[in-house]
């Protein structure tokens, strides 16, 4: 099994380790290229800069996307490792000092789910073959001795952290050693998507275009949950659609919906309540302008039916 050890900005790590978020954006100042070193949901470890030659935590790789800074901040906020958009901009411009200043620069966003941060006393020494010349990171494999050793140490530390968490929150240790083992195995093989990852994955699934109209102006496009997160709707691409902001608002309020055969429906309530809506009624009955290429990413019949029955005003 392959995993990645990435060279990590110390300030980024310190900021996020004090907040323990459910996801993070491991950003690069340059918005070119991609990250394909490891498969989705693979382990991505944080190796701190000198003088801290240690692995101090990690997360699970979900997606790499090159995004405008404004969208990265809108999706992840402080999970970018900064307290404000302006602070993040200053840090990025520091690394881009040899390039012309851009109002909304594109940055590389490597999205990680379920990040974990070890206490300093539990940091793991960098692999014995780690070279100071490595700038971004290096791939390791559990089929090889060095990779297997790091993997084992990370899993052991996660299990130990879980035991301490149980002692602190429940006043007792887990019921049995098997509980810890199951926790460790699941933690290293499953990643749960956060809101930021949902936003980016839906954006990419719809090729950065509004599902209803095909609009391409990225700042006005939003990832809409079909079944709201507040109603136990999951952060799955199949429970999302990329929509222009006004259509997203109308969708959430039930003035428009989408049928299981992916046709748009517009409620008569718009005209009754607002004596307007001509532009929206022109969309009624039309098939979605953009449908994800991958079947599993297309809107789920289950969630669409839920929206039709529980939200749409008819």
Protein backbone atom coordinates (compact mmCIF):
# COMPACT_ATOMS: atom_id res chain seq x y z
CA UNK A 1 0.00 0.00 0.00
CA UNK A 2 1.42 3.36 -1.02
CA UNK A 3 1.38 6.48 1.12
CA UNK A 4 2.97 9.94 0.96
CA UNK A 5 5.16 11.89 3.33
CA UNK A 6 4.85 15.56 2.49
CA UNK A 7 7.15 18.38 3.58
CA UNK A 8 4.92 20.54 5.77
CA UNK A 9 5.04 24.20 6.72
CA UNK A 10 5.58 24.40 10.47
CA UNK A 11 3.25 27.39 10.99
CA UNK A 12 0.50 25.65 9.03
CA UNK A 13 0.89 22.58 11.24
CA UNK A 14 0.98 24.52 14.52
CA UNK A 15 -2.13 26.51 13.62
CA UNK A 16 -4.20 23.48 12.65
CA UNK A 17 -2.98 21.14 15.38
CA UNK A 18 -4.42 23.54 17.96
CA UNK A 19 -7.85 23.37 16.28
CA UNK A 20 -8.16 19.68 15.30
CA UNK A 21 -10.39 20.22 12.22
CA UNK A 22 -12.23 17.46 10.35
CA UNK A 23 -10.42 18.28 7.08
CA UNK A 24 -7.58 20.49 5.86
CA UNK A 25 -6.31 22.09 2.68
CA UNK A 26 -2.62 21.24 2.24
CA UNK A 27 -2.06 24.06 -0.24
CA UNK A 28 0.74 24.94 -2.63
CA UNK A 29 1.34 28.57 -3.66
CA UNK A 30 1.49 27.57 -7.33
CA UNK A 31 -1.74 26.51 -9.02
CA UNK A 32 -0.16 24.38 -11.72
CA UNK A 33 0.20 20.64 -12.09
CA UNK A 34 -1.53 17.94 -10.09
CA UNK A 35 -0.91 15.43 -7.33
CA UNK A 36 -1.14 11.80 -8.43
CA UNK A 37 1.47 10.13 -6.25
CA UNK A 38 -1.05 8.10 -4.23
CA UNK A 39 -4.63 6.85 -4.74
CA UNK A 40 -7.67 8.49 -3.17
CA UNK A 41 -8.05 7.85 0.58
CA UNK A 42 -4.37 6.94 0.93
CA UNK A 43 -2.39 8.07 3.94
CA UNK A 44 -0.70 11.47 3.61
CA UNK A 45 1.77 12.23 6.42
CA UNK A 46 3.12 15.59 7.60
CA UNK A 47 6.92 15.82 7.82
CA UNK A 48 7.91 19.14 9.38
CA UNK A 49 10.62 21.43 8.06
CA UNK A 50 14.05 21.55 9.64
CA UNK A 51 14.97 21.66 12.47
CA UNK A 52 12.02 19.34 13.18
CA UNK A 53 12.96 16.28 11.18
CA UNK A 54 9.86 14.39 12.34
CA UNK A 55 6.51 13.09 11.13
CA UNK A 56 4.01 14.96 13.28
CA UNK A 57 0.64 13.89 11.91
CA UNK A 58 -1.26 13.28 8.71
CA UNK A 59 -4.58 12.85 6.95
CA UNK A 60 -6.22 10.99 4.06
CA UNK A 61 -5.90 12.17 0.50
CA UNK A 62 -9.22 13.02 -1.15
CA UNK A 63 -8.55 15.25 -4.14
CA UNK A 64 -6.11 17.70 -5.65
CA UNK A 65 -7.59 20.71 -7.41
CA UNK A 66 -6.18 24.02 -8.62
CA UNK A 67 -8.56 26.67 -7.31
CA UNK A 68 -8.77 30.46 -7.03
CA UNK A 69 -7.68 31.62 -3.58
CA UNK A 70 -11.14 33.04 -2.89
CA UNK A 71 -12.80 29.68 -3.51
CA UNK A 72 -10.22 27.84 -1.41
CA UNK A 73 -11.00 30.20 1.47
CA UNK A 74 -14.76 29.95 0.95
CA UNK A 75 -14.56 26.15 1.00
CA UNK A 76 -12.13 25.66 3.88
CA UNK A 77 -11.77 28.90 5.84
CA UNK A 78 -9.36 28.43 8.76
CA UNK A 79 -8.81 24.84 7.62
CA UNK A 80 -6.36 26.42 5.16
CA UNK A 81 -4.10 26.99 8.15
CA UNK A 82 -4.65 30.74 8.54
CA UNK A 83 -6.95 32.90 10.63
CA UNK A 84 -8.18 35.04 7.73
CA UNK A 85 -8.22 35.28 3.95
CA UNK A 86 -5.83 38.23 4.09
CA UNK A 87 -3.34 36.32 6.23
CA UNK A 88 -3.50 33.41 3.81
CA UNK A 89 -2.99 35.76 0.88
CA UNK A 90 0.10 37.28 2.50
CA UNK A 91 1.61 33.85 3.10
CA UNK A 92 0.95 32.75 -0.47
CA UNK A 93 2.35 35.96 -1.96
CA UNK A 94 5.51 35.44 0.09
CA UNK A 95 6.12 32.21 -1.82
CA UNK A 96 5.09 33.83 -5.13
CA UNK A 97 7.33 36.87 -4.74
CA UNK A 98 8.98 36.29 -8.12
CA UNK A 99 5.63 36.37 -9.94
CA UNK A 100 3.33 39.30 -10.81
CA UNK A 101 0.73 39.97 -8.14
CA UNK A 102 -2.70 38.58 -9.04
CA UNK A 103 -5.98 39.64 -7.42
CA UNK A 104 -7.26 36.08 -7.04
CA UNK A 105 -4.32 33.73 -7.66
CA UNK A 106 -4.88 30.06 -8.41
CA UNK A 107 -3.30 27.81 -5.81
CA UNK A 108 -2.84 24.06 -5.60
CA UNK A 109 -5.24 22.49 -3.10
CA UNK A 110 -4.57 19.00 -1.80
CA UNK A 111 -7.63 18.10 0.27
CA UNK A 112 -7.13 15.80 3.24
CA UNK A 113 -9.87 14.26 5.37
CA UNK A 114 -9.71 13.16 9.01
CA UNK A 115 -6.40 14.88 9.81
CA UNK A 116 -4.59 13.87 12.99
CA UNK A 117 -1.88 15.68 14.93
CA UNK A 118 0.47 13.94 17.31
CA UNK A 119 1.70 15.48 20.55
CA UNK A 120 5.31 16.53 20.21
CA UNK A 121 6.55 13.74 22.48
CA UNK A 122 5.00 11.24 20.06
CA UNK A 123 6.47 12.60 16.82
CA UNK A 124 7.99 9.91 14.63
CA UNK A 125 11.53 10.37 13.25
CA UNK A 126 11.68 10.82 9.48
CA UNK A 127 12.62 7.68 7.49
CA UNK A 128 16.29 6.77 7.44
CA UNK A 129 16.47 7.34 3.68
CA UNK A 130 15.00 10.85 3.83
CA UNK A 131 17.22 13.36 1.98
CA UNK A 132 17.44 17.07 2.78
CA UNK A 133 17.08 17.78 -0.95
CA UNK A 134 13.44 16.60 -0.95
CA UNK A 135 11.32 19.70 -1.50
CA UNK A 136 7.72 18.47 -1.67
CA UNK A 137 7.65 14.91 -0.43
CA UNK A 138 8.16 11.26 -1.21
CA UNK A 139 6.07 8.14 -1.78
CA UNK A 140 6.56 5.07 0.41
CA UNK A 141 5.14 1.56 0.14
CA UNK A 142 4.20 -0.84 2.93
CA UNK A 143 5.60 -3.67 0.78
CA UNK A 144 9.05 -2.27 1.57
CA UNK A 145 10.72 -2.35 4.98
CA UNK A 146 11.05 1.41 5.51
CA UNK A 147 7.46 2.07 4.46
CA UNK A 148 6.12 -0.78 6.58
CA UNK A 149 8.00 0.51 9.61
CA UNK A 150 6.55 4.03 9.27
CA UNK A 151 3.04 2.67 8.66
CA UNK A 152 3.22 0.51 11.79
CA UNK A 153 4.46 3.38 13.96
CA UNK A 154 1.67 5.66 12.70
CA UNK A 155 -1.02 3.06 13.37
CA UNK A 156 0.39 2.32 16.83
CA UNK A 157 0.36 6.00 17.68
CA UNK A 158 -3.22 6.44 16.44
CA UNK A 159 -4.36 3.55 18.57
CA UNK A 160 -2.52 4.92 21.59
CA UNK A 161 -4.12 8.33 21.03
CA UNK A 162 -7.54 6.68 20.87
CA UNK A 163 -6.97 4.97 24.23
CA UNK A 164 -6.05 8.31 25.81
CA UNK A 165 -9.10 9.96 24.28
CA UNK A 166 -11.35 7.29 25.77
CA UNK A 167 -9.74 7.71 29.19
CA UNK A 168 -10.23 11.47 29.00
CA UNK A 169 -13.82 11.49 27.76
CA UNK A 170 -15.25 8.34 29.35
CA UNK A 171 -13.12 7.85 32.42
CA UNK A 172 -12.18 4.35 31.34
CA UNK A 173 -10.25 2.42 28.72
CA UNK A 174 -11.99 0.81 25.72
CA UNK A 175 -13.94 -2.36 26.49
CA UNK A 176 -11.38 -4.64 24.85
CA UNK A 177 -8.15 -4.53 22.90
CA UNK A 178 -10.11 -5.58 19.82
CA UNK A 179 -11.99 -2.27 19.91
CA UNK A 180 -8.73 -0.38 19.50
CA UNK A 181 -7.57 -2.65 16.70
CA UNK A 182 -10.78 -2.13 14.77
CA UNK A 183 -10.52 1.61 15.30
CA UNK A 184 -6.98 1.71 13.93
CA UNK A 185 -7.78 -0.37 10.87
CA UNK A 186 -10.83 1.69 9.99
CA UNK A 187 -9.05 4.98 10.56
CA UNK A 188 -6.33 4.02 8.12
CA UNK A 189 -8.67 2.82 5.38
CA UNK A 190 -11.71 5.11 5.46
CA UNK A 191 -12.01 8.87 5.06
CA UNK A 192 -15.14 10.88 5.82
CA UNK A 193 -15.74 13.94 3.67
CA UNK A 194 -16.10 17.37 5.22
CA UNK A 195 -17.98 20.36 3.82
CA UNK A 196 -14.95 21.79 2.04
CA UNK A 197 -14.16 18.52 0.29
CA UNK A 198 -17.82 18.21 -0.69
CA UNK A 199 -17.72 21.67 -2.24
CA UNK A 200 -14.61 20.92 -4.30
CA UNK A 201 -15.64 17.43 -5.39
CA UNK A 202 -19.06 18.61 -6.57
CA UNK A 203 -17.45 21.53 -8.39
CA UNK A 204 -15.12 19.19 -10.25
CA UNK A 205 -17.81 16.56 -10.94
CA UNK A 206 -19.85 19.20 -12.78
CA UNK A 207 -16.81 20.45 -14.69
CA UNK A 208 -17.11 23.83 -12.92
CA UNK A 209 -20.45 24.55 -14.58
CA UNK A 210 -23.95 25.10 -13.20
CA UNK A 211 -25.93 21.87 -13.47
CA UNK A 212 -29.10 23.76 -14.46
CA UNK A 213 -27.85 26.45 -16.85
CA UNK A 214 -24.27 25.54 -17.74
CA UNK A 215 -22.99 28.85 -16.31
CA UNK A 216 -19.18 28.85 -15.99
CA UNK A 217 -18.52 31.90 -13.79
CA UNK A 218 -16.97 30.07 -10.85
CA UNK A 219 -17.45 32.72 -8.11
CA UNK A 220 -21.25 32.48 -8.43
CA UNK A 221 -21.42 28.68 -8.41
CA UNK A 222 -22.20 26.81 -5.21
CA UNK A 223 -22.38 23.15 -4.20
CA UNK A 224 -25.98 22.46 -3.19
CA UNK A 225 -26.94 19.52 -1.00
CA UNK A 226 -30.01 17.76 -2.37
CA UNK A 227 -30.86 16.45 1.09
CA UNK A 228 -29.47 19.08 3.49
CA UNK A 229 -26.62 18.23 5.81
CA UNK A 230 -28.82 19.47 8.66
CA UNK A 231 -31.33 16.73 7.74
CA UNK A 232 -28.68 14.00 7.80
CA UNK A 233 -27.84 14.43 4.14
CA UNK A 234 -24.32 13.07 3.57
CA UNK A 235 -21.39 14.89 2.00
CA UNK A 236 -21.50 12.71 -1.11
CA UNK A 237 -21.22 13.90 -4.70
CA UNK A 238 -24.45 11.99 -5.46
CA UNK A 239 -26.17 14.19 -2.85
CA UNK A 240 -24.96 17.38 -4.49
CA UNK A 241 -25.35 19.56 -7.56
CA UNK A 242 -23.37 22.61 -8.62
CA UNK A 243 -25.74 25.55 -9.03
CA UNK A 244 -25.71 29.25 -9.67
CA UNK A 245 -26.19 30.98 -6.31
CA UNK A 246 -29.74 32.21 -7.01
CA UNK A 247 -30.84 28.76 -8.18
CA UNK A 248 -29.22 27.21 -5.10
CA UNK A 249 -31.28 29.50 -2.89
CA UNK A 250 -34.51 28.67 -4.73
CA UNK A 251 -33.66 24.95 -4.60
CA UNK A 252 -33.13 25.05 -0.83
CA UNK A 253 -36.43 26.92 -0.37
CA UNK A 254 -38.37 24.49 -2.58
CA UNK A 255 -39.17 26.85 -5.45
CA UNK A 256 -37.32 24.63 -7.88
CA UNK A 257 -36.45 20.94 -7.88
CA UNK A 258 -35.01 18.24 -10.12
CA UNK A 259 -36.85 15.03 -10.98
CA UNK A 260 -35.23 11.58 -10.83
CA UNK A 261 -34.96 11.69 -14.64
CA UNK A 262 -32.91 14.89 -14.22
CA UNK A 263 -35.41 17.44 -15.49
CA UNK A 264 -35.91 20.82 -13.82
CA UNK A 265 -39.22 21.70 -12.17
CA UNK A 266 -40.17 25.25 -11.22
CA UNK A 267 -42.94 25.85 -8.68
CA UNK A 268 -45.91 28.07 -9.46
CA UNK A 269 -45.33 29.58 -6.01
CA UNK A 270 -42.71 31.94 -7.46
CA UNK A 271 -45.34 33.73 -9.53
CA UNK A 272 -48.00 33.53 -6.83
CA UNK A 273 -45.78 34.97 -4.12
CA UNK A 274 -43.50 37.30 -6.07
CA UNK A 275 -45.46 38.06 -9.28
CA UNK A 276 -42.33 37.32 -11.24
CA UNK A 277 -40.05 34.47 -12.28
CA UNK A 278 -40.15 34.54 -16.08
CA UNK A 279 -36.46 33.64 -16.38
CA UNK A 280 -36.91 30.72 -14.01
CA UNK A 281 -40.04 29.38 -15.70
CA UNK A 282 -38.06 29.19 -18.93
CA UNK A 283 -36.07 26.39 -17.26
CA UNK A 284 -39.13 24.31 -16.40
CA UNK A 285 -39.10 20.85 -17.97
CA UNK A 286 -35.56 21.13 -19.32
CA UNK A 287 -32.99 18.46 -18.70
CA UNK A 288 -29.99 19.42 -16.60
CA UNK A 289 -27.44 21.26 -18.71
CA UNK A 290 -24.54 19.43 -17.04
CA UNK A 291 -24.56 15.84 -15.78
CA UNK A 292 -21.47 14.22 -14.20
CA UNK A 293 -19.66 11.86 -16.53
CA UNK A 294 -19.32 9.17 -13.85
CA UNK A 295 -22.54 7.33 -13.02
CA UNK A 296 -21.85 7.16 -9.27
CA UNK A 297 -21.45 10.96 -9.15
CA UNK A 298 -24.83 11.70 -10.73
CA UNK A 299 -27.68 12.91 -8.51
CA UNK A 300 -29.11 9.98 -6.57
CA UNK A 301 -32.74 9.02 -7.20
CA UNK A 302 -33.14 8.55 -3.46
CA UNK A 303 -32.07 12.10 -2.60
CA UNK A 304 -33.97 13.67 -5.52
CA UNK A 305 -37.16 11.91 -4.46
CA UNK A 306 -36.60 13.13 -0.90
CA UNK A 307 -36.29 16.71 -2.14
CA UNK A 308 -39.39 16.38 -4.34
CA UNK A 309 -41.48 15.00 -1.47
CA UNK A 310 -40.15 17.06 1.42
CA UNK A 311 -38.96 20.41 0.06
CA UNK A 312 -40.43 21.17 -3.38
CA UNK A 313 -43.50 23.40 -3.19
CA UNK A 314 -45.12 22.01 -6.34
